[in-house]
Protein backbone atom coordinates (compact mmCIF):
# COMPACT_ATOMS: atom_id res chain seq x y z
CA MET A 1 -11.76 3.84 13.15
CA HIS A 2 -12.96 3.15 16.65
CA VAL A 3 -15.38 5.64 18.17
CA GLY A 4 -13.83 7.56 21.03
CA THR A 5 -10.24 6.65 20.13
CA LYS A 6 -7.85 9.49 19.39
CA PHE A 7 -5.20 9.08 16.71
CA ARG A 8 -2.07 10.97 15.82
CA ILE A 9 0.20 10.76 12.81
CA ILE A 10 3.84 9.84 13.15
CA TYR A 11 5.73 10.70 9.98
CA SER A 12 8.59 8.35 10.76
CA TYR A 13 9.04 6.02 13.71
CA SER A 14 11.96 3.60 13.87
CA TYR A 15 11.69 0.10 15.31
CA PRO A 16 14.57 -2.38 15.59
CA VAL A 17 13.06 -4.26 12.61
CA GLY A 18 12.33 -1.25 10.37
CA ALA A 19 10.63 2.12 9.93
CA TYR A 20 6.91 2.94 10.15
CA ASP A 21 4.98 5.85 8.66
CA GLY A 22 1.32 6.19 9.56
CA ALA A 23 -1.34 6.48 12.21
CA MET A 24 -0.78 5.59 15.85
CA ASN A 25 -3.04 5.54 18.89
CA GLU A 26 -2.46 7.34 22.19
CA GLN A 27 -0.45 4.37 23.50
CA GLY A 28 2.05 4.78 20.66
CA GLN A 29 0.88 1.63 18.87
CA ARG A 30 0.50 1.36 15.11
CA HIS A 31 -3.24 1.77 14.64
CA GLY A 32 -5.02 2.77 11.43
CA TYR A 33 -3.40 3.05 8.01
CA GLY A 34 0.37 2.83 7.78
CA VAL A 35 3.43 1.59 5.91
CA MET A 36 6.15 -0.51 7.56
CA LYS A 37 9.46 -0.91 5.74
CA TYR A 38 11.39 -3.77 7.30
CA THR A 39 15.17 -3.93 7.45
CA ASN A 40 15.08 -7.29 5.58
CA GLY A 41 13.53 -5.57 2.53
CA ASP A 42 9.88 -6.56 3.10
CA VAL A 43 7.18 -3.85 3.02
CA TYR A 44 3.68 -3.89 4.52
CA GLU A 45 1.13 -1.29 3.50
CA GLY A 46 -2.32 -1.35 5.05
CA MET A 47 -4.35 -1.32 8.21
CA TRP A 48 -3.08 -1.86 11.76
CA GLU A 49 -4.89 -2.44 15.03
CA THR A 50 -3.11 -2.16 18.38
CA ASP A 51 0.32 -2.72 16.81
CA LYS A 52 -0.66 -5.72 14.64
CA LYS A 53 -1.52 -5.98 10.94
CA HIS A 54 -5.30 -6.16 10.95
CA GLY A 55 -7.72 -5.52 8.10
CA LEU A 56 -6.87 -5.04 4.45
CA GLY A 57 -3.21 -4.86 3.57
CA LYS A 58 -0.45 -5.69 1.12
CA GLN A 59 2.74 -7.52 2.11
CA ILE A 60 5.56 -7.32 -0.42
CA HIS A 61 8.38 -9.72 0.35
CA ARG A 62 11.97 -8.98 -0.65
CA ASN A 63 11.91 -11.99 -3.02
CA GLY A 64 9.06 -10.37 -4.99
CA ASP A 65 6.18 -12.45 -3.58
CA ILE A 66 3.09 -10.37 -2.82
CA TYR A 67 0.12 -11.10 -0.58
CA GLU A 68 -2.77 -8.66 -0.85
CA GLY A 69 -5.81 -9.32 1.28
CA GLU A 70 -7.04 -9.70 4.82
CA PHE A 71 -4.88 -9.79 7.94
CA VAL A 72 -6.19 -10.80 11.35
CA HIS A 73 -4.19 -10.17 14.55
CA GLY A 74 -0.91 -9.92 12.62
CA ARG A 75 -1.38 -12.95 10.36
CA LYS A 76 -2.50 -13.43 6.77
CA HIS A 77 -6.10 -14.58 6.66
CA GLY A 78 -7.43 -16.32 3.55
CA LYS A 79 -5.99 -16.67 0.08
CA GLY A 80 -5.63 -13.00 -0.80
CA LYS A 81 -4.95 -11.92 -4.38
């Protein structure tokens, strides 16, 4: 958590690509821990920073593939588990 940044919890926020449950910053961006359920069946559970996957997270693809590990600025970073 960033010092001096205020957070609020949105229990359900709909985007054109899916639904998000989790923390958001004052600008209405996904920021902190949250779960995004995409309309294509994928699910991301983990940390967000200014509306991008950033930090530890788990991406479950609709085909059953799973990436669990580090995300940086919205992209998988490293091999993960």
